[in-house]
Structure formats: C-alpha cells, structure tokens
Protein backbone atom coordinates (compact mmCIF):
# COMPACT_ATOMS: atom_id res chain seq x y z
CA UNK A 1 0.00 0.00 0.00
CA UNK A 2 2.84 2.38 0.81
CA UNK A 3 4.46 1.77 -2.58
CA UNK A 4 1.14 2.60 -4.25
CA UNK A 5 0.92 5.80 -2.20
CA UNK A 6 4.44 6.86 -3.24
CA UNK A 7 3.67 6.12 -6.90
CA UNK A 8 0.48 8.20 -6.69
CA UNK A 9 2.35 11.16 -5.17
CA UNK A 10 5.04 10.95 -7.87
CA UNK A 11 2.44 10.85 -10.64
CA UNK A 12 0.36 13.73 -9.30
CA UNK A 13 3.49 15.75 -8.51
CA UNK A 14 4.82 15.44 -12.07
CA UNK A 15 1.60 16.14 -13.97
CA UNK A 16 2.18 19.89 -13.63
CA UNK A 17 5.49 19.47 -15.48
CA UNK A 18 3.84 17.31 -18.15
CA UNK A 19 1.18 19.98 -18.73
CA UNK A 20 3.86 22.66 -19.07
CA UNK A 21 5.84 20.54 -21.53
CA UNK A 22 2.74 19.84 -23.60
CA UNK A 23 1.50 23.41 -23.90
CA UNK A 24 5.03 24.64 -24.61
CA UNK A 25 5.23 22.04 -27.40
CA UNK A 26 2.39 23.83 -29.18
CA UNK A 27 -0.80 21.98 -28.28
CA UNK A 28 -3.71 24.40 -27.68
CA UNK A 29 -4.42 24.11 -23.94
CA UNK A 30 -8.18 23.45 -24.05
CA UNK A 31 -7.82 20.89 -26.85
CA UNK A 32 -4.93 19.28 -24.96
CA UNK A 33 -6.90 18.88 -21.75
CA UNK A 34 -10.17 17.96 -23.45
CA UNK A 35 -8.78 15.07 -25.47
CA UNK A 36 -6.90 13.81 -22.40
CA UNK A 37 -9.92 13.57 -20.13
CA UNK A 38 -12.33 12.38 -22.79
CA UNK A 39 -9.95 9.57 -23.75
CA UNK A 40 -9.28 8.65 -20.12
CA UNK A 41 -12.97 8.61 -19.23
CA UNK A 42 -13.86 6.45 -22.23
CA UNK A 43 -10.97 4.08 -21.45
CA UNK A 44 -12.11 3.58 -17.85
CA UNK A 45 -15.68 3.07 -19.05
CA UNK A 46 -14.57 0.44 -21.57
CA UNK A 47 -12.60 -1.42 -18.90
CA UNK A 48 -15.64 -1.49 -16.63
CA UNK A 49 -17.81 -2.62 -19.55
CA UNK A 50 -15.29 -5.36 -20.35
CA UNK A 51 -15.67 -6.61 -16.80
CA UNK A 52 -19.41 -6.83 -17.50
CA UNK A 53 -20.18 -4.16 -14.95
CA UNK A 54 -23.09 -1.85 -15.47
CA UNK A 55 -22.02 1.45 -16.96
CA UNK A 56 -25.24 3.28 -16.24
CA UNK A 57 -25.76 5.87 -13.56
CA UNK A 58 -29.06 6.99 -12.11
CA UNK A 59 -30.29 10.37 -13.32
CA UNK A 60 -29.40 12.05 -10.02
CA UNK A 61 -25.88 10.62 -10.16
CA UNK A 62 -25.54 11.73 -13.78
CA UNK A 63 -26.39 15.28 -12.73
CA UNK A 64 -23.79 15.08 -9.97
CA UNK A 65 -21.19 13.74 -12.41
CA UNK A 66 -21.98 16.54 -14.87
CA UNK A 67 -21.65 19.19 -12.17
CA UNK A 68 -18.43 17.72 -10.79
CA UNK A 69 -16.99 17.27 -14.29
CA UNK A 70 -17.66 20.88 -15.25
CA UNK A 71 -16.24 22.25 -11.99
CA UNK A 72 -13.37 19.87 -11.18
CA UNK A 73 -12.27 19.06 -14.72
CA UNK A 74 -13.47 21.70 -17.19
CA UNK A 75 -13.05 24.83 -15.07
CA UNK A 76 -9.98 23.69 -13.14
CA UNK A 77 -7.97 22.32 -16.03
CA UNK A 78 -9.01 25.03 -18.47
CA UNK A 79 -7.42 27.49 -16.05
CA UNK A 80 -4.43 25.25 -15.31
CA UNK A 81 -3.60 24.38 -18.93
CA UNK A 82 -4.07 27.96 -20.10
CA UNK A 83 -2.23 29.41 -17.11
CA UNK A 84 0.85 27.23 -17.50
CA UNK A 85 1.58 29.01 -20.77
CA UNK A 86 2.63 32.00 -18.66
CA UNK A 87 3.72 30.66 -15.25
CA UNK A 88 6.04 27.87 -14.15
CA UNK A 89 4.80 24.38 -13.37
CA UNK A 90 6.13 24.73 -9.82
CA UNK A 91 4.10 27.88 -9.21
CA UNK A 92 1.00 26.22 -10.64
CA UNK A 93 1.45 23.31 -8.23
CA UNK A 94 1.89 25.68 -5.31
CA UNK A 95 -1.32 27.51 -6.21
CA UNK A 96 -3.08 24.14 -6.40
CA UNK A 97 -1.98 23.46 -2.82
CA UNK A 98 -4.38 26.20 -1.75
CA UNK A 99 -7.34 24.01 -2.72
CA UNK A 100 -7.84 22.43 0.76
CA UNK A 101 -8.10 25.92 2.25
CA UNK A 102 -10.76 26.85 -0.30
CA UNK A 103 -12.71 23.68 0.48
CA UNK A 104 -12.59 24.53 4.19
CA UNK A 105 -13.89 28.04 3.49
CA UNK A 106 -16.73 26.76 1.31
CA UNK A 107 -17.78 24.21 3.92
CA UNK A 108 -17.64 26.92 6.58
CA UNK A 109 -19.75 29.23 4.40
CA UNK A 110 -22.29 26.44 3.90
CA UNK A 111 -22.19 25.83 7.66
CA UNK A 112 -21.04 22.25 7.06
CA UNK A 113 -18.14 22.66 9.49
CA UNK A 114 -16.71 25.14 11.95
CA UNK A 115 -13.28 26.74 11.75
CA UNK A 116 -11.30 26.63 14.95
CA UNK A 117 -8.81 29.34 15.80
CA UNK A 118 -5.85 27.30 14.54
CA UNK A 119 -7.66 26.65 11.25
CA UNK A 120 -8.34 30.36 10.76
CA UNK A 121 -4.67 31.05 11.43
CA UNK A 122 -3.80 28.37 8.89
CA UNK A 123 -5.93 30.09 6.26
CA UNK A 124 -4.11 33.37 6.88
CA UNK A 125 -0.69 31.74 6.78
CA UNK A 126 -1.55 29.87 3.58
CA UNK A 127 -2.75 33.08 1.90
CA UNK A 128 0.46 34.85 2.94
CA UNK A 129 2.43 31.96 1.46
CA UNK A 130 0.67 32.29 -1.90
CA UNK A 131 1.40 36.04 -2.02
CA UNK A 132 5.03 35.45 -1.09
CA UNK A 133 5.45 32.69 -3.66
CA UNK A 134 3.98 34.58 -6.61
CA UNK A 135 5.91 37.79 -5.91
CA UNK A 136 9.21 36.77 -7.62
CA UNK A 137 7.58 35.47 -10.80
CA UNK A 138 4.76 37.98 -11.13
CA UNK A 139 5.43 41.25 -9.31
CA UNK A 140 9.13 41.58 -10.06
CA UNK A 141 8.76 40.74 -13.75
CA UNK A 142 5.61 42.89 -14.00
CA UNK A 143 4.24 40.35 -16.48
CA UNK A 144 0.55 41.08 -16.95
CA UNK A 145 -0.12 37.68 -18.54
CA UNK A 146 1.48 35.96 -15.55
CA UNK A 147 -0.79 37.92 -13.22
CA UNK A 148 -3.86 36.86 -15.20
CA UNK A 149 -2.59 33.27 -15.20
CA UNK A 150 -2.24 33.26 -11.41
CA UNK A 151 -5.75 34.67 -11.01
CA UNK A 152 -7.12 32.13 -13.49
CA UNK A 153 -5.52 29.18 -11.69
CA UNK A 154 -6.83 30.41 -8.33
CA UNK A 155 -10.30 30.81 -9.84
CA UNK A 156 -10.04 27.30 -11.27
CA UNK A 157 -9.03 25.95 -7.87
CA UNK A 158 -12.04 27.69 -6.33
CA UNK A 159 -14.34 26.01 -8.87
CA UNK A 160 -12.68 22.67 -8.13
CA UNK A 161 -13.19 23.21 -4.40
CA UNK A 162 -16.92 23.80 -4.99
CA UNK A 163 -17.00 20.64 -7.09
CA UNK A 164 -15.10 18.69 -4.42
CA UNK A 165 -17.69 19.55 -1.79
CA UNK A 166 -20.43 18.32 -4.15
CA UNK A 167 -18.46 15.19 -5.10
CA UNK A 168 -18.04 14.09 -1.49
CA UNK A 169 -21.81 13.96 -1.09
CA UNK A 170 -22.25 12.33 -4.50
CA UNK A 171 -19.67 9.60 -3.87
CA UNK A 172 -21.45 8.62 -0.67
CA UNK A 173 -24.53 7.81 -2.74
CA UNK A 174 -22.85 5.88 -5.57
CA UNK A 175 -21.79 2.25 -5.46
CA UNK A 176 -18.97 2.57 -8.02
CA UNK A 177 -16.56 5.48 -7.63
CA UNK A 178 -14.62 4.41 -10.75
CA UNK A 179 -17.72 4.67 -12.93
CA UNK A 180 -18.59 8.05 -11.42
CA UNK A 181 -15.03 9.24 -12.13
CA UNK A 182 -15.27 7.99 -15.72
CA UNK A 183 -18.46 9.96 -16.30
CA UNK A 184 -17.13 13.15 -14.73
CA UNK A 185 -13.96 12.92 -16.87
CA UNK A 186 -16.06 12.44 -20.01
CA UNK A 187 -18.30 15.40 -19.16
CA UNK A 188 -15.30 17.52 -18.19
CA UNK A 189 -13.41 16.57 -21.34
CA UNK A 190 -16.39 17.51 -23.53
CA UNK A 191 -16.58 20.86 -21.74
CA UNK A 192 -12.91 21.54 -22.49
CA UNK A 193 -13.36 20.57 -26.14
CA UNK A 194 -16.30 22.98 -26.43
CA UNK A 195 -14.03 25.74 -25.10
CA UNK A 196 -11.44 24.71 -27.67
CA UNK A 197 -14.04 24.80 -30.45
CA UNK A 198 -15.02 28.38 -29.62
CA UNK A 199 -11.70 29.89 -28.56
CA UNK A 200 -8.91 27.97 -30.27
CA UNK A 201 -7.77 27.48 -33.83
CA UNK A 202 -7.23 23.87 -34.83
CA UNK A 203 -4.73 25.04 -37.39
CA UNK A 204 -2.35 25.83 -34.55
CA UNK A 205 -2.18 22.20 -33.37
CA UNK A 206 1.37 20.90 -33.76
CA UNK A 207 1.76 17.16 -33.24
CA UNK A 208 5.35 16.62 -32.10
CA UNK A 209 6.92 13.64 -30.29
CA UNK A 210 7.20 15.76 -27.14
CA UNK A 211 3.52 16.68 -27.31
CA UNK A 212 2.48 13.06 -27.86
CA UNK A 213 4.54 11.77 -24.94
CA UNK A 214 3.18 14.51 -22.70
CA UNK A 215 -0.40 13.67 -23.68
CA UNK A 216 0.13 9.94 -23.16
CA UNK A 217 1.74 10.51 -19.76
CA UNK A 218 -1.13 12.68 -18.57
CA UNK A 219 -3.84 10.44 -20.02
CA UNK A 220 -2.50 7.03 -19.00
CA UNK A 221 -0.55 7.80 -15.83
CA UNK A 222 -2.17 11.03 -14.65
CA UNK A 223 -5.84 10.30 -15.32
CA UNK A 224 -6.13 6.50 -15.39
CA UNK A 225 -3.34 5.10 -13.19
CA UNK A 226 -3.04 8.00 -10.73
CA UNK A 227 -6.75 8.31 -10.08
CA UNK A 228 -7.11 4.53 -10.07
CA UNK A 229 -4.53 4.27 -7.28
CA UNK A 230 -6.23 7.12 -5.42
CA UNK A 231 -9.61 5.40 -5.39
CA UNK A 232 -7.97 2.07 -4.51
CA UNK A 233 -6.34 3.75 -1.52
CA UNK A 234 -9.67 5.30 -0.55
CA UNK A 235 -11.15 1.81 -0.50
CA UNK A 236 -8.20 0.35 1.44
CA UNK A 237 -7.44 3.08 3.96
CA UNK A 238 -10.19 5.69 3.67
CA UNK A 239 -10.21 9.16 2.09
CA UNK A 240 -8.22 10.91 4.82
CA UNK A 241 -4.86 9.25 4.24
CA UNK A 242 -5.32 9.24 0.45
CA UNK A 243 -5.81 13.02 0.39
CA UNK A 244 -2.39 13.69 1.94
CA UNK A 245 -0.86 13.62 -1.54
CA UNK A 246 -1.67 17.35 -1.67
CA UNK A 247 1.09 17.88 0.91
CA UNK A 248 3.69 16.09 -1.19
CA UNK A 249 2.94 17.06 -4.80
CA UNK A 250 3.99 20.75 -4.63
CA UNK A 251 7.43 19.73 -3.35
CA UNK A 252 7.82 17.16 -6.14
CA UNK A 253 6.56 19.66 -8.73
CA UNK A 254 9.05 22.31 -7.63
CA UNK A 255 11.88 19.77 -7.79
CA UNK A 256 11.11 18.29 -11.22
CA UNK A 257 10.41 21.74 -12.66
CA UNK A 258 13.85 22.88 -11.53
CA UNK A 259 15.55 19.69 -12.74
CA UNK A 260 13.78 19.24 -16.11
CA UNK A 261 12.99 22.78 -17.23
CA UNK A 262 15.44 24.81 -15.15
CA UNK A 263 12.61 26.70 -13.46
CA UNK A 264 13.89 29.16 -10.91
CA UNK A 265 13.35 28.37 -7.24
CA UNK A 266 13.97 31.51 -5.20
CA UNK A 267 14.17 31.89 -1.45
CA UNK A 268 10.84 33.73 -1.53
CA UNK A 269 9.10 30.99 -3.50
CA UNK A 270 10.56 28.31 -1.21
CA UNK A 271 9.41 30.26 1.85
CA UNK A 272 5.99 30.70 0.26
CA UNK A 273 5.74 26.96 -0.36
CA UNK A 274 6.63 26.29 3.28
CA UNK A 275 3.96 28.73 4.48
CA UNK A 276 1.30 27.25 2.19
CA UNK A 277 2.03 23.70 3.35
CA UNK A 278 2.11 24.87 6.97
CA UNK A 279 -1.26 26.54 6.51
CA UNK A 280 -2.73 23.39 4.97
CA UNK A 281 -1.35 21.34 7.86
CA UNK A 282 -2.93 23.67 10.42
CA UNK A 283 -6.31 23.28 8.72
CA UNK A 284 -6.01 19.49 8.58
CA UNK A 285 -4.29 18.48 11.79
CA UNK A 286 -6.00 15.09 11.91
CA UNK A 287 -4.90 14.30 8.36
CA UNK A 288 -1.30 15.14 9.22
CA UNK A 289 -1.43 13.00 12.35
CA UNK A 290 -2.70 10.07 10.31
CA UNK A 291 0.07 10.54 7.73
CA UNK A 292 2.69 10.49 10.51
CA UNK A 293 1.19 7.27 11.89
CA UNK A 294 1.31 5.62 8.47
CA UNK A 295 4.93 6.69 7.95
CA UNK A 296 5.90 5.29 11.35
CA UNK A 297 4.15 2.01 10.60
CA UNK A 298 5.84 1.78 7.21
CA UNK A 299 9.28 2.41 8.72
CA UNK A 300 8.75 -0.08 11.54
CA UNK A 301 7.43 -2.78 9.22
CA UNK A 302 10.34 -2.31 6.79
CA UNK A 303 12.88 -2.49 9.62
CA UNK A 304 11.46 -5.85 10.70
CA UNK A 305 11.86 -7.35 7.24
C-alpha cells in the first residue's frame, strides 16, 4: 500500500510538469486537456464494460457527475492548462496546494463545518504563502499575462473546491466510484473541447513527439493510473490518508520543474511553499497525524523485514 501511495504522489506531482511541456510544445491548452480527459474517461468506461459491470448511472448521479466534471475538470484544467503558458509548473502546483483551504472556506460558508482558531490562522498563513510565492515570478517581472494566469488558476481551484464539496456527497450515494469518475472525466473533457471549439484554432495544433509523450503521460498515468490508485487507496485506507498527496505534490513539482525545465526556485518561493504547506497542515491536523502514523508504521514494518 505504501508503494502505491508513493507512486500516486510521484504521478500527481509530475503532472504539472507534463502539462507545461505539452502546452510549450504547441498543443492548444483546451484541446490538450479535453482530449486527455475524454480519452481517459472512455478508457475507464470500456474497462468497466469489459468486466461486465453496469455502466449506467441513475439520473441524479448523472447530474452530480456533470456538475463535478464541469467544476473539477473543465473549469480547473481550463485554467491550469491555459495558465501554464505564462507561469512555471512549480508555481501552478503551489497555487493548487491552496485548494484544501478553499474547500474549508466553502464548507464553513455552507455551515457544514466550523473553523477553529488554529484553522483560521492556517488560512491566513496559507494566503500569505501564496502572495510570497507569486511575488518573484509575477510582481518583479511585472508580467501582466502571468498575473492573469495566477488569477485564473486560483479561480479554477475555487471552482474545483466547490465541485469537491459536491463530489463528497455524491460519492457517498454511488456504489462505483470508478464509474462516477469515468463519467465526470467524459463530461469535463467535452466541456474543455467545447471551449477549444469556440476559442482555439485547430490550425495551430502541432503534433510533435514531445507533445504526444506529454499527452500519453497525462492520459494514462495522470488520469487513469493516478486516479485509479487514489480510489484504490480510498477503499483500502479511507479518504483521509489518500488526500495527503496534496502535501507532497507541490514539493515534487518544484523539484522536477527545476531539474527538467530549469525553473527558478527563489528563497521567496521556497518560503511561500513552506507557508502554504504549513497553513494546509494547520487546517487538517488530523490528516497530518494520520500521515505520521502511516509513515511510522511503514518504517517499523520495513525495519522488521
């Protein structure tokens, strides 16, 4: 189980780099994301059909899948794919780390949970970390497109947070999370392709080996394998431990962005990353405690073998 968890973190932490490589290779961002998720959703559906499982959802579940797909796939990845044309993959990953804070705020606004003092402090620290992290790449360069990209990614993360709150309720009512995920990827992929149809020129699509490998990596590993491991871990250990990948992926993304693309990692951006992760930890103390327990168990079990 621990190996699967590590693989999942590595996959999710490197998808930001793969997106950056793909859009830099010349694939229009909406078309890039749309074909990825549509293909992944259809592939998962075909696998389930091949196992002679039902591939039908009730009308209420279909509505939930449509809503989640538009919010967590169309809106989020439209912003992320478009934004990574103008900001680094490491910065995009750091902005994505703010998603748990947005979910907490939405649940608080809907009166689904209460924010303790330490959680409120965590929100403030996380926000300060985002400001500190974007300063070197946005404020110093005075790049207006980078500023819009940061705002777009944050808006996309907000949409995804709204979708995540809805998905938690929806997944409690469905018997097959893999089928639900397949439908939401299909709906989300169609939404991205509609954006591509209206806002992108298909004449600008350049199919290069780099673009193909990036697309395959994101489709097969990012969407099918990564999410498959995630839902397997949810089934094995529950959703709390599985969600801790959000603590690890920004660190991996910063590292691979620096190693593969030579993206700059400044002291301010590193400090911002530390503040964001600290803020997330303060909002999810129980999750962090569970992660520590799992790490201790993994170390102790490996030392006995």
